[in-house]
Amino acid sequence: MFLFPNKYKRISGWIFLLSVLFGIYYLFFTDMESMASEILTIKVPALLHDEVFSAAEGIWIENNLFDEILTLIIVISGLLYGFSKEKIEDEYISSMRNRSLAVSVYINYAVLLLATITIYGLPFLQVMMLQLFSILVLFNLIFTLRLRKHYNTTLDDEE
């Protein structure tokens, strides 16, 4: 498995944590239109959009890139954090990483199945947006907790 160098672990973890918290705040507690700055509104090509085929401008639309930038920051920092080497990377750490990823996928799809049969309409769209990030968030949370438990157990054994 390809892993990023350990030097990315700390900074990407902080960026990931802060961007996820900001993303939750942005999604649930703000008026998205007023929060996004007009500075980030530019013309972009839209391959699929509600008004692509009816707009006189063709495939170019005005769009605020705030949520796209936030998504990129969350995904890139989450991947860097979860898949950066530990200072001591061995088979046990690799096994913990794989098990954590598997558990996060199981939980993610269990939530998706439950949401599919209990949530309808526009709220389902919010659930689907959260699903985009939940595998990364759950994986990083589970893996970090397992690592802390492992390191605490190792330190206790040395004493």
C-alpha atoms as a PDB file:
ATOM      1  CA  MET A   1       0.000   0.000   0.000  1.00  0.00           C
ATOM      2  CA  PHE A   2       1.318   3.445  -0.902  1.00  0.00           C
ATOM      3  CA  LEU A   3       1.603   5.728   2.114  1.00  0.00           C
ATOM      4  CA  PHE A   4       2.549   9.387   2.251  1.00  0.00           C
ATOM      5  CA  PRO A   5       5.601  10.480   4.251  1.00  0.00           C
ATOM      6  CA  ASN A   6       5.141  10.938   8.007  1.00  0.00           C
ATOM      7  CA  LYS A   7       5.904  14.660   7.779  1.00  0.00           C
ATOM      8  CA  TYR A   8       2.383  15.291   6.408  1.00  0.00           C
ATOM      9  CA  LYS A   9       0.622  13.590   9.329  1.00  0.00           C
ATOM     10  CA  ARG A  10       0.461  16.406  11.884  1.00  0.00           C
ATOM     11  CA  ILE A  11      -0.422  19.379   9.657  1.00  0.00           C
ATOM     12  CA  SER A  12      -2.941  17.420   7.578  1.00  0.00           C
ATOM     13  CA  GLY A  13      -4.603  16.182  10.776  1.00  0.00           C
ATOM     14  CA  TRP A  14      -5.160  19.722  12.035  1.00  0.00           C
ATOM     15  CA  ILE A  15      -6.370  20.924   8.638  1.00  0.00           C
ATOM     16  CA  PHE A  16      -8.697  17.923   8.372  1.00  0.00           C
ATOM     17  CA  LEU A  17     -10.158  18.420  11.852  1.00  0.00           C
ATOM     18  CA  LEU A  18     -10.711  22.153  11.410  1.00  0.00           C
ATOM     19  CA  SER A  19     -12.147  21.830   7.901  1.00  0.00           C
ATOM     20  CA  VAL A  20     -14.572  19.064   8.956  1.00  0.00           C
ATOM     21  CA  LEU A  21     -15.767  21.126  11.919  1.00  0.00           C
ATOM     22  CA  PHE A  22     -16.131  24.187   9.684  1.00  0.00           C
ATOM     23  CA  GLY A  23     -17.929  22.085   7.058  1.00  0.00           C
ATOM     24  CA  ILE A  24     -20.455  20.839   9.624  1.00  0.00           C
ATOM     25  CA  TYR A  25     -21.011  24.399  10.807  1.00  0.00           C
ATOM     26  CA  TYR A  26     -21.336  25.605   7.208  1.00  0.00           C
ATOM     27  CA  LEU A  27     -23.825  22.872   6.279  1.00  0.00           C
ATOM     28  CA  PHE A  28     -26.105  23.000   9.305  1.00  0.00           C
ATOM     29  CA  PHE A  29     -25.787  26.385  10.969  1.00  0.00           C
ATOM     30  CA  THR A  30     -25.398  29.015   8.243  1.00  0.00           C
ATOM     31  CA  ASP A  31     -27.216  30.395   5.285  1.00  0.00           C
ATOM     32  CA  MET A  32     -24.930  28.994   2.594  1.00  0.00           C
ATOM     33  CA  GLU A  33     -25.620  31.787   0.139  1.00  0.00           C
ATOM     34  CA  SER A  34     -24.696  34.569   2.557  1.00  0.00           C
ATOM     35  CA  MET A  35     -21.675  32.712   3.983  1.00  0.00           C
ATOM     36  CA  ALA A  36     -19.920  32.221   0.661  1.00  0.00           C
ATOM     37  CA  SER A  37     -17.937  35.214  -0.474  1.00  0.00           C
ATOM     38  CA  GLU A  38     -18.745  36.914  -3.752  1.00  0.00           C
ATOM     39  CA  ILE A  39     -15.011  36.872  -4.457  1.00  0.00           C
ATOM     40  CA  LEU A  40     -15.204  33.148  -5.167  1.00  0.00           C
ATOM     41  CA  THR A  41     -18.040  33.487  -7.713  1.00  0.00           C
ATOM     42  CA  ILE A  42     -16.662  32.891 -11.190  1.00  0.00           C
ATOM     43  CA  LYS A  43     -17.704  31.358 -14.486  1.00  0.00           C
ATOM     44  CA  VAL A  44     -16.994  27.631 -14.583  1.00  0.00           C
ATOM     45  CA  PRO A  45     -17.761  24.859 -17.060  1.00  0.00           C
ATOM     46  CA  ALA A  46     -20.655  22.698 -15.870  1.00  0.00           C
ATOM     47  CA  LEU A  47     -20.978  19.328 -17.521  1.00  0.00           C
ATOM     48  CA  LEU A  48     -24.189  18.593 -15.609  1.00  0.00           C
ATOM     49  CA  HIS A  49     -26.351  21.370 -14.250  1.00  0.00           C
ATOM     50  CA  ASP A  50     -30.038  22.253 -14.085  1.00  0.00           C
ATOM     51  CA  GLU A  51     -29.735  25.007 -16.683  1.00  0.00           C
ATOM     52  CA  VAL A  52     -26.909  23.739 -18.927  1.00  0.00           C
ATOM     53  CA  PHE A  53     -28.950  23.027 -22.019  1.00  0.00           C
ATOM     54  CA  SER A  54     -31.314  25.988 -21.647  1.00  0.00           C
ATOM     55  CA  ALA A  55     -28.723  28.656 -20.910  1.00  0.00           C
ATOM     56  CA  ALA A  56     -27.655  30.900 -23.761  1.00  0.00           C
ATOM     57  CA  GLU A  57     -24.103  30.800 -22.407  1.00  0.00           C
ATOM     58  CA  GLY A  58     -23.644  27.100 -23.234  1.00  0.00           C
ATOM     59  CA  ILE A  59     -21.946  25.051 -20.562  1.00  0.00           C
ATOM     60  CA  TRP A  60     -20.454  28.048 -18.700  1.00  0.00           C
ATOM     61  CA  ILE A  61     -22.299  29.065 -15.529  1.00  0.00           C
ATOM     62  CA  GLU A  62     -21.731  31.463 -12.638  1.00  0.00           C
ATOM     63  CA  ASN A  63     -20.866  29.463  -9.530  1.00  0.00           C
ATOM     64  CA  ASN A  64     -19.454  30.187  -6.107  1.00  0.00           C
ATOM     65  CA  LEU A  65     -16.509  27.840  -5.536  1.00  0.00           C
ATOM     66  CA  PHE A  66     -16.555  28.031  -1.724  1.00  0.00           C
ATOM     67  CA  ASP A  67     -18.131  24.607  -1.181  1.00  0.00           C
ATOM     68  CA  GLU A  68     -15.947  22.991  -3.851  1.00  0.00           C
ATOM     69  CA  ILE A  69     -12.800  24.394  -2.231  1.00  0.00           C
ATOM     70  CA  LEU A  70     -13.950  23.229   1.211  1.00  0.00           C
ATOM     71  CA  THR A  71     -14.658  19.757  -0.218  1.00  0.00           C
ATOM     72  CA  LEU A  72     -11.181  19.584  -1.774  1.00  0.00           C
ATOM     73  CA  ILE A  73      -9.558  20.637   1.505  1.00  0.00           C
ATOM     74  CA  ILE A  74     -11.495  18.021   3.508  1.00  0.00           C
ATOM     75  CA  VAL A  75     -10.796  15.187   1.074  1.00  0.00           C
ATOM     76  CA  ILE A  76      -7.102  15.935   0.469  1.00  0.00           C
ATOM     77  CA  SER A  77      -6.279  16.565   4.134  1.00  0.00           C
ATOM     78  CA  GLY A  78      -8.297  13.493   5.195  1.00  0.00           C
ATOM     79  CA  LEU A  79      -6.456  11.265   2.753  1.00  0.00           C
ATOM     80  CA  LEU A  80      -3.070  12.690   3.756  1.00  0.00           C
ATOM     81  CA  TYR A  81      -3.854  12.271   7.447  1.00  0.00           C
ATOM     82  CA  GLY A  82      -5.217   8.738   7.186  1.00  0.00           C
ATOM     83  CA  PHE A  83      -2.635   7.440   4.762  1.00  0.00           C
ATOM     84  CA  SER A  84       0.568   9.009   6.056  1.00  0.00           C
ATOM     85  CA  LYS A  85       3.113   6.679   7.583  1.00  0.00           C
ATOM     86  CA  GLU A  86       3.500   6.470  11.315  1.00  0.00           C
ATOM     87  CA  LYS A  87       6.964   7.130  12.750  1.00  0.00           C
ATOM     88  CA  ILE A  88       7.286   3.371  13.149  1.00  0.00           C
ATOM     89  CA  GLU A  89       5.277   1.735  10.391  1.00  0.00           C
ATOM     90  CA  ASP A  90       5.072  -2.036  10.832  1.00  0.00           C
ATOM     91  CA  GLU A  91       2.718  -4.871   9.885  1.00  0.00           C
ATOM     92  CA  TYR A  92       0.562  -4.354  12.977  1.00  0.00           C
ATOM     93  CA  ILE A  93      -0.005  -0.663  12.161  1.00  0.00           C
ATOM     94  CA  SER A  94      -0.832  -1.627   8.571  1.00  0.00           C
ATOM     95  CA  SER A  95      -3.295  -4.225   9.835  1.00  0.00           C
ATOM     96  CA  MET A  96      -4.924  -1.643  12.117  1.00  0.00           C
ATOM     97  CA  ARG A  97      -5.211   0.759   9.180  1.00  0.00           C
ATOM     98  CA  ASN A  98      -6.907  -1.901   7.027  1.00  0.00           C
ATOM     99  CA  ARG A  99      -9.311  -2.979   9.797  1.00  0.00           C
ATOM    100  CA  SER A 100     -10.192   0.649  10.540  1.00  0.00           C
ATOM    101  CA  LEU A 101     -10.951   1.262   6.874  1.00  0.00           C
ATOM    102  CA  ALA A 102     -13.142  -1.841   6.689  1.00  0.00           C
ATOM    103  CA  VAL A 103     -15.096  -0.872   9.820  1.00  0.00           C
ATOM    104  CA  SER A 104     -15.646   2.650   8.500  1.00  0.00           C
ATOM    105  CA  VAL A 105     -17.016   1.280   5.212  1.00  0.00           C
ATOM    106  CA  TYR A 106     -19.390  -1.047   7.081  1.00  0.00           C
ATOM    107  CA  ILE A 107     -20.663   1.760   9.313  1.00  0.00           C
ATOM    108  CA  ASN A 108     -20.986   4.139   6.361  1.00  0.00           C
ATOM    109  CA  TYR A 109     -23.127   1.731   4.357  1.00  0.00           C
ATOM    110  CA  ALA A 110     -25.210   0.735   7.390  1.00  0.00           C
ATOM    111  CA  VAL A 111     -26.063   4.416   7.864  1.00  0.00           C
ATOM    112  CA  LEU A 112     -26.799   4.725   4.139  1.00  0.00           C
ATOM    113  CA  LEU A 113     -29.155   1.736   4.212  1.00  0.00           C
ATOM    114  CA  LEU A 114     -30.931   3.095   7.282  1.00  0.00           C
ATOM    115  CA  ALA A 115     -31.213   6.560   5.720  1.00  0.00           C
ATOM    116  CA  THR A 116     -32.565   5.095   2.474  1.00  0.00           C
ATOM    117  CA  ILE A 117     -35.536   3.541   4.238  1.00  0.00           C
ATOM    118  CA  THR A 118     -36.203   6.362   6.741  1.00  0.00           C
ATOM    119  CA  ILE A 119     -35.294   9.730   5.150  1.00  0.00           C
ATOM    120  CA  TYR A 120     -36.960  11.195   2.079  1.00  0.00           C
ATOM    121  CA  GLY A 121     -36.923  14.326  -0.024  1.00  0.00           C
ATOM    122  CA  LEU A 122     -34.412  17.132   0.389  1.00  0.00           C
ATOM    123  CA  PRO A 123     -33.083  15.955   3.779  1.00  0.00           C
ATOM    124  CA  PHE A 124     -31.870  12.812   2.011  1.00  0.00           C
ATOM    125  CA  LEU A 125     -29.631  15.047  -0.120  1.00  0.00           C
ATOM    126  CA  GLN A 126     -27.943  16.340   3.048  1.00  0.00           C
ATOM    127  CA  VAL A 127     -27.451  12.756   4.218  1.00  0.00           C
ATOM    128  CA  MET A 128     -25.845  11.919   0.873  1.00  0.00           C
ATOM    129  CA  MET A 129     -23.515  14.929   1.174  1.00  0.00           C
ATOM    130  CA  LEU A 130     -22.472  13.725   4.619  1.00  0.00           C
ATOM    131  CA  GLN A 131     -21.941  10.223   3.212  1.00  0.00           C
ATOM    132  CA  LEU A 132     -19.261  11.633   0.913  1.00  0.00           C
ATOM    133  CA  PHE A 133     -17.104  12.477   3.911  1.00  0.00           C
ATOM    134  CA  SER A 134     -18.202   9.950   6.510  1.00  0.00           C
ATOM    135  CA  ILE A 135     -15.881   7.152   5.345  1.00  0.00           C
ATOM    136  CA  LEU A 136     -12.863   9.461   5.699  1.00  0.00           C
ATOM    137  CA  VAL A 137     -14.043  10.894   9.022  1.00  0.00           C
ATOM    138  CA  LEU A 138     -14.900   7.484  10.489  1.00  0.00           C
ATOM    139  CA  PHE A 139     -11.699   5.899   9.194  1.00  0.00           C
ATOM    140  CA  ASN A 140      -9.500   8.633  10.640  1.00  0.00           C
ATOM    141  CA  LEU A 141     -11.382   8.595  13.941  1.00  0.00           C
ATOM    142  CA  ILE A 142     -11.280   4.793  14.338  1.00  0.00           C
ATOM    143  CA  PHE A 143      -7.643   4.530  13.233  1.00  0.00           C
ATOM    144  CA  THR A 144      -6.538   7.364  15.530  1.00  0.00           C
ATOM    145  CA  LEU A 145      -8.346   5.813  18.507  1.00  0.00           C
ATOM    146  CA  ARG A 146      -6.802   2.414  17.790  1.00  0.00           C
ATOM    147  CA  LEU A 147      -3.354   3.963  17.451  1.00  0.00           C
ATOM    148  CA  ARG A 148      -3.705   5.809  20.760  1.00  0.00           C
ATOM    149  CA  LYS A 149      -4.831   2.619  22.474  1.00  0.00           C
ATOM    150  CA  HIS A 150      -1.906   0.727  20.928  1.00  0.00           C
ATOM    151  CA  TYR A 151       0.645   3.366  21.937  1.00  0.00           C
ATOM    152  CA  ASN A 152      -0.811   3.668  25.459  1.00  0.00           C
ATOM    153  CA  THR A 153      -0.718  -0.125  25.878  1.00  0.00           C
ATOM    154  CA  THR A 154       2.870  -0.198  24.588  1.00  0.00           C
ATOM    155  CA  LEU A 155       3.898   2.555  27.015  1.00  0.00           C
ATOM    156  CA  ASP A 156       2.168   0.777  29.918  1.00  0.00           C
ATOM    157  CA  ASP A 157       4.004  -2.467  29.072  1.00  0.00           C
ATOM    158  CA  GLU A 158       7.368  -0.679  29.096  1.00  0.00           C
ATOM    159  CA  GLU A 159       6.794   0.710  32.604  1.00  0.00           C
END
